PDB file of N, CA and C in Angstrom:
ATOM      1  N   MET A   1     -38.158   7.309 -32.024  1.00  0.00           N
ATOM      2  CA  MET A   1     -37.741   8.804 -32.076  1.00  0.00           C
ATOM      3  C   MET A   1     -36.976   9.224 -31.041  1.00  0.00           C
ATOM      4  N   LEU A   2     -37.097   8.888 -29.725  1.00  0.00           N
ATOM      5  CA  LEU A   2     -36.475   9.260 -28.548  1.00  0.00           C
ATOM      6  C   LEU A   2     -34.767   8.855 -28.752  1.00  0.00           C
ATOM      7  N   HIS A   3     -34.713   7.484 -29.434  1.00  0.00           N
ATOM      8  CA  HIS A   3     -33.497   6.935 -29.477  1.00  0.00           C
ATOM      9  C   HIS A   3     -32.561   8.259 -30.350  1.00  0.00           C
ATOM     10  N   LEU A   4     -33.260   8.506 -31.379  1.00  0.00           N
ATOM     11  CA  LEU A   4     -32.292   9.171 -32.233  1.00  0.00           C
ATOM     12  C   LEU A   4     -32.370  10.785 -31.613  1.00  0.00           C
ATOM     13  N   LEU A   5     -33.022  11.269 -30.853  1.00  0.00           N
ATOM     14  CA  LEU A   5     -32.742  12.256 -29.939  1.00  0.00           C
ATOM     15  C   LEU A   5     -31.658  12.237 -29.283  1.00  0.00           C
ATOM     16  N   TYR A   6     -31.355  11.070 -28.381  1.00  0.00           N
ATOM     17  CA  TYR A   6     -30.356  10.692 -27.421  1.00  0.00           C
ATOM     18  C   TYR A   6     -28.890  10.797 -28.358  1.00  0.00           C
ATOM     19  N   ILE A   7     -29.051  10.025 -29.204  1.00  0.00           N
ATOM     20  CA  ILE A   7     -27.713   9.548 -30.215  1.00  0.00           C
ATOM     21  C   ILE A   7     -27.215  11.211 -30.821  1.00  0.00           C
ATOM     22  N   LEU A   8     -28.275  12.162 -31.194  1.00  0.00           N
ATOM     23  CA  LEU A   8     -27.796  13.394 -31.736  1.00  0.00           C
ATOM     24  C   LEU A   8     -27.320  13.877 -30.565  1.00  0.00           C
ATOM     25  N   ALA A   9     -28.036  14.106 -29.408  1.00  0.00           N
ATOM     26  CA  ALA A   9     -27.501  14.858 -28.023  1.00  0.00           C
ATOM     27  C   ALA A   9     -25.796  14.407 -27.680  1.00  0.00           C
ATOM     28  N   PHE A  10     -25.875  12.993 -27.657  1.00  0.00           N
ATOM     29  CA  PHE A  10     -24.388  12.434 -27.282  1.00  0.00           C
ATOM     30  C   PHE A  10     -23.691  12.983 -28.516  1.00  0.00           C
ATOM     31  N   THR A  11     -23.824  12.903 -29.731  1.00  0.00           N
ATOM     32  CA  THR A  11     -22.931  13.023 -30.648  1.00  0.00           C
ATOM     33  C   THR A  11     -22.564  14.533 -30.728  1.00  0.00           C
ATOM     34  N   VAL A  12     -23.417  15.811 -30.363  1.00  0.00           N
ATOM     35  CA  VAL A  12     -23.211  16.944 -30.133  1.00  0.00           C
ATOM     36  C   VAL A  12     -22.141  17.357 -28.899  1.00  0.00           C
ATOM     37  N   LEU A  13     -22.566  16.417 -27.964  1.00  0.00           N
ATOM     38  CA  LEU A  13     -21.853  16.785 -26.793  1.00  0.00           C
ATOM     39  C   LEU A  13     -20.201  16.234 -27.024  1.00  0.00           C
ATOM     40  N   ALA A  14     -20.136  14.870 -27.695  1.00  0.00           N
ATOM     41  CA  ALA A  14     -18.649  14.345 -27.693  1.00  0.00           C
ATOM     42  C   ALA A  14     -18.014  15.404 -28.666  1.00  0.00           C
ATOM     43  N   VAL A  15     -18.561  15.935 -29.850  1.00  0.00           N
ATOM     44  CA  VAL A  15     -17.939  16.811 -30.642  1.00  0.00           C
ATOM     45  C   VAL A  15     -17.372  18.107 -29.878  1.00  0.00           C
ATOM     46  N   LEU A  16     -18.381  18.643 -29.060  1.00  0.00           N
ATOM     47  CA  LEU A  16     -17.977  19.886 -28.186  1.00  0.00           C
ATOM     48  C   LEU A  16     -16.600  19.503 -27.428  1.00  0.00           C
ATOM     49  N   ALA A  17     -16.895  18.433 -26.760  1.00  0.00           N
ATOM     50  CA  ALA A  17     -15.751  17.688 -25.827  1.00  0.00           C
ATOM     51  C   ALA A  17     -14.388  17.579 -26.469  1.00  0.00           C
ATOM     52  N   VAL A  18     -14.332  16.963 -27.563  1.00  0.00           N
ATOM     53  CA  VAL A  18     -13.112  16.691 -28.546  1.00  0.00           C
ATOM     54  C   VAL A  18     -12.312  18.026 -29.145  1.00  0.00           C
ATOM     55  N   SER A  19     -13.582  18.913 -29.410  1.00  0.00           N
ATOM     56  CA  SER A  19     -12.828  20.384 -29.990  1.00  0.00           C
ATOM     57  C   SER A  19     -12.535  21.076 -28.652  1.00  0.00           C
ATOM     58  N   ASN A  20     -13.027  21.133 -27.803  1.00  0.00           N
ATOM     59  CA  ASN A  20     -12.552  21.763 -26.271  1.00  0.00           C
ATOM     60  C   ASN A  20     -11.172  20.862 -26.206  1.00  0.00           C
ATOM     61  N   LEU A  21     -11.066  19.786 -26.335  1.00  0.00           N
ATOM     62  CA  LEU A  21      -9.576  19.035 -25.894  1.00  0.00           C
ATOM     63  C   LEU A  21      -8.544  19.369 -26.917  1.00  0.00           C
ATOM     64  N   ILE A  22      -8.949  19.231 -27.998  1.00  0.00           N
ATOM     65  CA  ILE A  22      -8.009  19.767 -29.142  1.00  0.00           C
ATOM     66  C   ILE A  22      -7.406  21.459 -28.911  1.00  0.00           C
ATOM     67  N   ARG A  23      -8.743  22.448 -28.652  1.00  0.00           N
ATOM     68  CA  ARG A  23      -8.265  23.713 -28.618  1.00  0.00           C
ATOM     69  C   ARG A  23      -7.272  23.791 -27.149  1.00  0.00           C
ATOM     70  N   ASN A  24      -7.550  22.948 -25.990  1.00  0.00           N
ATOM     71  CA  ASN A  24      -6.872  23.228 -25.060  1.00  0.00           C
ATOM     72  C   ASN A  24      -5.403  22.534 -25.118  1.00  0.00           C
ATOM     73  N   LEU A  25      -5.236  21.436 -26.016  1.00  0.00           N
ATOM     74  CA  LEU A  25      -3.928  20.978 -26.300  1.00  0.00           C
ATOM     75  C   LEU A  25      -2.977  21.982 -27.178  1.00  0.00           C
ATOM     76  N   VAL A  26      -3.864  22.526 -27.937  1.00  0.00           N
ATOM     77  CA  VAL A  26      -3.100  23.577 -28.841  1.00  0.00           C
ATOM     78  C   VAL A  26      -2.630  24.871 -28.079  1.00  0.00           C
ATOM     79  N   ASN A  27      -3.267  25.338 -27.322  1.00  0.00           N
ATOM     80  CA  ASN A  27      -3.055  26.550 -26.362  1.00  0.00           C
ATOM     81  C   ASN A  27      -2.016  25.981 -25.297  1.00  0.00           C
ATOM     82  N   LEU A  28      -1.960  24.843 -24.823  1.00  0.00           N
ATOM     83  CA  LEU A  28      -0.731  24.366 -23.890  1.00  0.00           C
ATOM     84  C   LEU A  28       0.596  24.157 -24.606  1.00  0.00           C
ATOM     85  N   GLY A  29       0.524  24.006 -25.996  1.00  0.00           N
ATOM     86  CA  GLY A  29       1.727  23.628 -26.860  1.00  0.00           C
ATOM     87  C   GLY A  29       2.247  25.223 -27.320  1.00  0.00           C
ATOM     88  N   ILE A  30       1.187  26.114 -27.323  1.00  0.00           N
ATOM     89  CA  ILE A  30       1.939  27.570 -27.568  1.00  0.00           C
ATOM     90  C   ILE A  30       2.349  27.998 -26.298  1.00  0.00           C
ATOM     91  N   GLU A  31       1.811  27.779 -25.285  1.00  0.00           N
ATOM     92  CA  GLU A  31       2.418  28.305 -24.021  1.00  0.00           C
ATOM     93  C   GLU A  31       3.687  27.748 -23.691  1.00  0.00           C
ATOM     94  N   ALA A  32       3.964  26.238 -23.799  1.00  0.00           N
ATOM     95  CA  ALA A  32       5.280  25.568 -23.965  1.00  0.00           C
ATOM     96  C   ALA A  32       6.398  26.316 -24.587  1.00  0.00           C
ATOM     97  N   ARG A  33       5.945  26.461 -25.828  1.00  0.00           N
ATOM     98  CA  ARG A  33       7.067  27.005 -26.638  1.00  0.00           C
ATOM     99  C   ARG A  33       7.697  28.631 -26.161  1.00  0.00           C
ATOM    100  N   ARG A  34       6.732  29.268 -25.675  1.00  0.00           N
ATOM    101  CA  ARG A  34       6.832  30.779 -25.386  1.00  0.00           C
ATOM    102  C   ARG A  34       7.993  30.718 -24.206  1.00  0.00           C
ATOM    103  N   PRO A  35       8.874  31.421 -24.174  1.00  0.00           N
ATOM    104  CA  PRO A  35       9.927  31.718 -23.308  1.00  0.00           C
ATOM    105  C   PRO A  35       9.164  32.072 -22.176  1.00  0.00           C
ATOM    106  N   SER A  36       9.680  31.567 -20.873  1.00  0.00           N
ATOM    107  CA  SER A  36       9.194  31.846 -19.455  1.00  0.00           C
ATOM    108  C   SER A  36       9.097  33.369 -19.104  1.00  0.00           C
ATOM    109  N   GLY A  37       9.924  34.331 -19.687  1.00  0.00           N
ATOM    110  CA  GLY A  37       9.781  35.634 -19.268  1.00  0.00           C
ATOM    111  C   GLY A  37       8.667  36.340 -19.822  1.00  0.00           C
ATOM    112  N   THR A  38       8.301  36.199 -21.272  1.00  0.00           N
ATOM    113  CA  THR A  38       7.101  36.652 -22.225  1.00  0.00           C
ATOM    114  C   THR A  38       5.901  36.074 -22.093  1.00  0.00           C
ATOM    115  N   SER A  39       5.300  35.454 -20.745  1.00  0.00           N
ATOM    116  CA  SER A  39       4.237  34.607 -20.791  1.00  0.00           C
ATOM    117  C   SER A  39       3.005  35.684 -20.474  1.00  0.00           C
ATOM    118  N   GLY A  40       3.329  36.707 -20.485  1.00  0.00           N
ATOM    119  CA  GLY A  40       2.233  37.596 -20.171  1.00  0.00           C
ATOM    120  C   GLY A  40       1.980  38.042 -18.746  1.00  0.00           C
ATOM    121  N   SER A  41       0.534  38.404 -18.361  1.00  0.00           N
ATOM    122  CA  SER A  41       0.501  38.969 -16.992  1.00  0.00           C
ATOM    123  C   SER A  41       0.278  37.804 -16.065  1.00  0.00           C
ATOM    124  N   ARG A  42       0.267  36.507 -16.376  1.00  0.00           N
ATOM    125  CA  ARG A  42       0.016  35.197 -15.585  1.00  0.00           C
ATOM    126  C   ARG A  42       1.036  35.320 -14.702  1.00  0.00           C
ATOM    127  N   ARG A  43       2.337  35.459 -14.943  1.00  0.00           N
ATOM    128  CA  ARG A  43       3.438  35.325 -13.971  1.00  0.00           C
ATOM    129  C   ARG A  43       3.852  36.632 -13.270  1.00  0.00           C
ATOM    130  N   SER A  44       4.365  36.626 -12.166  1.00  0.00           N
ATOM    131  CA  SER A  44       4.748  37.867 -11.582  1.00  0.00           C
ATOM    132  C   SER A  44       6.272  38.255 -12.099  1.00  0.00           C
ATOM    133  N   ASP A  45       6.774  39.591 -11.646  1.00  0.00           N
ATOM    134  CA  ASP A  45       7.956  39.726 -12.508  1.00  0.00           C
ATOM    135  C   ASP A  45       9.108  39.169 -11.811  1.00  0.00           C
ATOM    136  N   SER A  46       9.192  38.442 -10.726  1.00  0.00           N
ATOM    137  CA  SER A  46      10.326  37.228 -10.187  1.00  0.00           C
ATOM    138  C   SER A  46      10.379  36.359 -10.883  1.00  0.00           C
ATOM    139  N   SER A  47      11.487  35.563 -10.986  1.00  0.00           N
ATOM    140  CA  SER A  47      11.779  34.496 -11.816  1.00  0.00           C
ATOM    141  C   SER A  47      11.324  33.100 -10.988  1.00  0.00           C
ATOM    142  N   ARG A  48      11.134  33.297  -9.638  1.00  0.00           N
ATOM    143  CA  ARG A  48      10.755  32.151  -8.874  1.00  0.00           C
ATOM    144  C   ARG A  48       9.305  32.131  -8.572  1.00  0.00           C
ATOM    145  N   PRO A  49       8.740  30.906  -8.568  1.00  0.00           N
ATOM    146  CA  PRO A  49       7.140  30.857  -8.249  1.00  0.00           C
ATOM    147  C   PRO A  49       6.884  31.327  -6.624  1.00  0.00           C
ATOM    148  N   VAL A  50       5.642  32.005  -6.543  1.00  0.00           N
ATOM    149  CA  VAL A  50       5.557  32.372  -5.267  1.00  0.00           C
ATOM    150  C   VAL A  50       4.747  31.145  -4.666  1.00  0.00           C
ATOM    151  N   PRO A  51       5.124  30.505  -3.404  1.00  0.00           N
ATOM    152  CA  PRO A  51       4.376  29.547  -2.740  1.00  0.00           C
ATOM    153  C   PRO A  51       3.126  29.995  -2.254  1.00  0.00           C
ATOM    154  N   HIS A  52       2.400  29.096  -2.020  1.00  0.00           N
ATOM    155  CA  HIS A  52       1.191  29.007  -1.262  1.00  0.00           C
ATOM    156  C   HIS A  52       1.295  29.533   0.006  1.00  0.00           C
ATOM    157  N   PRO A  53       0.117  30.604   0.343  1.00  0.00           N
ATOM    158  CA  PRO A  53       0.257  31.317   1.809  1.00  0.00           C
ATOM    159  C   PRO A  53      -0.036  30.154   2.802  1.00  0.00           C
ATOM    160  N   GLU A  54      -0.328  28.862   2.643  1.00  0.00           N
ATOM    161  CA  GLU A  54      -0.423  28.299   3.693  1.00  0.00           C
ATOM    162  C   GLU A  54       0.737  27.462   4.088  1.00  0.00           C
ATOM    163  N   LEU A  55       2.053  27.589   3.109  1.00  0.00           N
ATOM    164  CA  LEU A  55       3.222  26.967   3.233  1.00  0.00           C
ATOM    165  C   LEU A  55       4.060  28.088   3.753  1.00  0.00           C
ATOM    166  N   LEU A  56       3.740  29.064   4.117  1.00  0.00           N
ATOM    167  CA  LEU A  56       4.725  30.246   4.739  1.00  0.00           C
ATOM    168  C   LEU A  56       4.206  30.334   6.281  1.00  0.00           C
ATOM    169  N   ASP A  57       5.189  30.447   7.069  1.00  0.00           N
ATOM    170  CA  ASP A  57       5.081  30.879   8.171  1.00  0.00           C
ATOM    171  C   ASP A  57       4.725  32.143   8.674  1.00  0.00           C
ATOM    172  N   ASP A  58       4.919  32.875   9.731  1.00  0.00           N
ATOM    173  CA  ASP A  58       4.327  34.338  10.268  1.00  0.00           C
ATOM    174  C   ASP A  58       5.626  35.237   9.678  1.00  0.00           C
ATOM    175  N   ALA A  59       6.627  34.893   9.478  1.00  0.00           N
ATOM    176  CA  ALA A  59       7.696  35.628   8.853  1.00  0.00           C
ATOM    177  C   ALA A  59       7.864  35.866   7.361  1.00  0.00           C
ATOM    178  N   GLY A  60       7.133  34.743   6.629  1.00  0.00           N
ATOM    179  CA  GLY A  60       7.030  34.847   5.324  1.00  0.00           C
ATOM    180  C   GLY A  60       7.827  33.926   4.709  1.00  0.00           C
ATOM    181  N   ARG A  61       8.447  33.034   5.670  1.00  0.00           N
ATOM    182  CA  ARG A  61       9.711  31.929   5.053  1.00  0.00           C
ATOM    183  C   ARG A  61       8.816  30.723   4.811  1.00  0.00           C
ATOM    184  N   VAL A  62       9.337  29.850   4.019  1.00  0.00           N
ATOM    185  CA  VAL A  62       8.629  28.556   3.696  1.00  0.00           C
ATOM    186  C   VAL A  62       9.034  27.648   4.544  1.00  0.00           C
ATOM    187  N   ILE A  63       7.972  27.018   5.084  1.00  0.00           N
ATOM    188  CA  ILE A  63       8.003  25.911   6.101  1.00  0.00           C
ATOM    189  C   ILE A  63       8.602  24.613   5.472  1.00  0.00           C
ATOM    190  N   ASP A  64       9.203  23.915   6.042  1.00  0.00           N
ATOM    191  CA  ASP A  64      10.159  22.665   5.381  1.00  0.00           C
ATOM    192  C   ASP A  64       9.621  21.623   6.113  1.00  0.00           C
ATOM    193  N   GLU A  65       8.740  21.850   7.474  1.00  0.00           N
ATOM    194  CA  GLU A  65       8.106  20.409   8.080  1.00  0.00           C
ATOM    195  C   GLU A  65       6.922  20.069   7.380  1.00  0.00           C
ATOM    196  N   PRO A  66       6.645  18.775   7.652  1.00  0.00           N
ATOM    197  CA  PRO A  66       5.372  18.327   7.295  1.00  0.00           C
ATOM    198  C   PRO A  66       4.221  18.926   8.128  1.00  0.00           C
ATOM    199  N   LEU A  67       3.023  19.253   7.262  1.00  0.00           N
ATOM    200  CA  LEU A  67       1.916  20.166   8.185  1.00  0.00           C
ATOM    201  C   LEU A  67       0.826  19.058   8.617  1.00  0.00           C
ATOM    202  N   LEU A  68       0.939  17.716   8.093  1.00  0.00           N
ATOM    203  CA  LEU A  68      -0.030  16.883   8.765  1.00  0.00           C
ATOM    204  C   LEU A  68       0.604  15.602   8.622  1.00  0.00           C
ATOM    205  N   VAL A  69       0.459  14.815   9.871  1.00  0.00           N
ATOM    206  CA  VAL A  69       1.008  13.606   9.839  1.00  0.00           C
ATOM    207  C   VAL A  69       0.013  12.848  10.537  1.00  0.00           C
ATOM    208  N   MET A  70      -0.494  11.625   9.621  1.00  0.00           N
ATOM    209  CA  MET A  70      -1.115  10.720  10.030  1.00  0.00           C
ATOM    210  C   MET A  70      -0.881   9.444  10.332  1.00  0.00           C
ATOM    211  N   ARG A  71      -1.333   8.691  11.199  1.00  0.00           N
ATOM    212  CA  ARG A  71      -0.812   7.468  11.777  1.00  0.00           C
ATOM    213  C   ARG A  71      -2.040   6.437  11.678  1.00  0.00           C
ATOM    214  N   SER A  72      -1.893   5.070  11.300  1.00  0.00           N
ATOM    215  CA  SER A  72      -2.878   4.323  11.306  1.00  0.00           C
ATOM    216  C   SER A  72      -3.426   4.066  13.065  1.00  0.00           C
ATOM    217  N   VAL A  73      -4.578   3.997  13.199  1.00  0.00           N
ATOM    218  CA  VAL A  73      -4.961   3.621  14.397  1.00  0.00           C
ATOM    219  C   VAL A  73      -5.880   2.809  14.435  1.00  0.00           C
ATOM    220  N   SER A  74      -6.014   1.502  15.188  1.00  0.00           N
ATOM    221  CA  SER A  74      -7.304   0.481  15.142  1.00  0.00           C
ATOM    222  C   SER A  74      -8.315   1.081  15.518  1.00  0.00           C
ATOM    223  N   ILE A  75      -9.417   0.415  15.420  1.00  0.00           N
ATOM    224  CA  ILE A  75     -10.747   0.843  15.672  1.00  0.00           C
ATOM    225  C   ILE A  75     -10.925   0.845  17.209  1.00  0.00           C
ATOM    226  N   LYS A  76     -10.248  -0.489  17.604  1.00  0.00           N
ATOM    227  CA  LYS A  76     -10.526  -0.574  19.070  1.00  0.00           C
ATOM    228  C   LYS A  76      -9.551   0.270  19.991  1.00  0.00           C
ATOM    229  N   ASP A  77      -8.482   0.905  19.487  1.00  0.00           N
ATOM    230  CA  ASP A  77      -7.610   2.092  20.115  1.00  0.00           C
ATOM    231  C   ASP A  77      -8.569   3.365  20.117  1.00  0.00           C
ATOM    232  N   ALA A  78      -9.044   3.501  19.010  1.00  0.00           N
ATOM    233  CA  ALA A  78      -9.885   4.907  18.746  1.00  0.00           C
ATOM    234  C   ALA A  78     -11.077   4.944  19.815  1.00  0.00           C
ATOM    235  N   ARG A  79     -11.717   3.944  19.787  1.00  0.00           N
ATOM    236  CA  ARG A  79     -12.845   3.678  20.809  1.00  0.00           C
ATOM    237  C   ARG A  79     -12.362   4.014  22.123  1.00  0.00           C
ATOM    238  N   ASP A  80     -11.484   3.438  22.607  1.00  0.00           N
ATOM    239  CA  ASP A  80     -10.646   3.521  23.968  1.00  0.00           C
ATOM    240  C   ASP A  80     -10.531   4.768  24.080  1.00  0.00           C
ATOM    241  N   GLN A  81      -9.527   5.768  23.111  1.00  0.00           N
ATOM    242  CA  GLN A  81      -9.351   7.115  23.492  1.00  0.00           C
ATOM    243  C   GLN A  81     -10.527   7.878  23.482  1.00  0.00           C
ATOM    244  N   LEU A  82     -11.572   7.684  22.726  1.00  0.00           N
ATOM    245  CA  LEU A  82     -12.731   8.563  22.826  1.00  0.00           C
ATOM    246  C   LEU A  82     -13.404   8.468  24.161  1.00  0.00           C
ATOM    247  N   ASP A  83     -13.549   7.049  24.657  1.00  0.00           N
ATOM    248  CA  ASP A  83     -14.026   6.838  25.858  1.00  0.00           C
ATOM    249  C   ASP A  83     -13.431   7.475  26.924  1.00  0.00           C
ATOM    250  N   ALA A  84     -12.063   7.547  27.087  1.00  0.00           N
ATOM    251  CA  ALA A  84     -11.210   8.123  27.949  1.00  0.00           C
ATOM    252  C   ALA A  84     -11.403   9.237  28.028  1.00  0.00           C
ATOM    253  N   MET A  85     -11.516  10.099  26.718  1.00  0.00           N
ATOM    254  CA  MET A  85     -11.798  11.367  27.128  1.00  0.00           C
ATOM    255  C   MET A  85     -13.062  11.924  27.227  1.00  0.00           C
ATOM    256  N   TYR A  86     -14.269  11.141  26.940  1.00  0.00           N
ATOM    257  CA  TYR A  86     -15.616  11.480  27.525  1.00  0.00           C
ATOM    258  C   TYR A  86     -15.480  10.997  28.985  1.00  0.00           C
ATOM    259  N   ASP A  87     -14.890  10.011  29.446  1.00  0.00           N
ATOM    260  CA  ASP A  87     -14.964   9.975  30.953  1.00  0.00           C
ATOM    261  C   ASP A  87     -14.223  11.061  31.533  1.00  0.00           C
ATOM    262  N   ALA A  88     -12.994  11.534  31.158  1.00  0.00           N
ATOM    263  CA  ALA A  88     -12.155  12.524  31.931  1.00  0.00           C
ATOM    264  C   ALA A  88     -12.864  13.890  31.748  1.00  0.00           C
ATOM    265  N   SER A  89     -13.942  14.237  30.799  1.00  0.00           N
ATOM    266  CA  SER A  89     -14.635  15.367  30.674  1.00  0.00           C
ATOM    267  C   SER A  89     -15.368  15.674  31.855  1.00  0.00           C
ATOM    268  N   GLY A  90     -15.801  14.606  32.623  1.00  0.00           N
ATOM    269  CA  GLY A  90     -16.533  14.996  34.055  1.00  0.00           C
ATOM    270  C   GLY A  90     -18.108  14.983  33.876  1.00  0.00           C
ATOM    271  N   THR A  91     -18.353  14.598  32.570  1.00  0.00           N
ATOM    272  CA  THR A  91     -19.936  14.462  32.457  1.00  0.00           C
ATOM    273  C   THR A  91     -20.405  13.043  32.867  1.00  0.00           C
ATOM    274  N   ASP A  92     -21.673  12.878  33.737  1.00  0.00           N
ATOM    275  CA  ASP A  92     -21.901  11.639  34.230  1.00  0.00           C
ATOM    276  C   ASP A  92     -23.236  11.227  33.344  1.00  0.00           C
ATOM    277  N   GLU A  93     -23.885  12.027  32.281  1.00  0.00           N
ATOM    278  CA  GLU A  93     -25.021  11.740  31.841  1.00  0.00           C
ATOM    279  C   GLU A  93     -25.188  10.463  31.061  1.00  0.00           C
ATOM    280  N   HIS A  94     -24.190   9.925  30.824  1.00  0.00           N
ATOM    281  CA  HIS A  94     -24.042   8.836  30.030  1.00  0.00           C
ATOM    282  C   HIS A  94     -24.430   7.588  30.623  1.00  0.00           C
ATOM    283  N   GLU A  95     -24.366   7.628  32.109  1.00  0.00           N
ATOM    284  CA  GLU A  95     -24.651   6.721  32.841  1.00  0.00           C
ATOM    285  C   GLU A  95     -26.057   6.548  33.428  1.00  0.00           C
ATOM    286  N   ASP A  96     -27.039   5.533  33.745  1.00  0.00           N
ATOM    287  CA  ASP A  96     -28.241   5.565  34.228  1.00  0.00           C
ATOM    288  C   ASP A  96     -28.246   5.931  35.505  1.00  0.00           C
TER     289      ASP A  96
END
């Protein structure tokens, strides 16, 4: 009996998921066919998109440089750098 309940619940969830997928695809198709100027209140009056605030400097201009640069560091180099920073902090509590 419990197996039938699981199958029924899974079937209901699957039907809801597929119907939601179809509804979203239809809405996406309607939005894609609509001209860009008549898309309603979702877009602003200007024709160009507004960038995210984190991509702007203090004057409001778009930043063209990378915001984060990561490089690969070996574990030994990272430990050496952390030890050097700890030793340079002036605390001697780690010694016996």
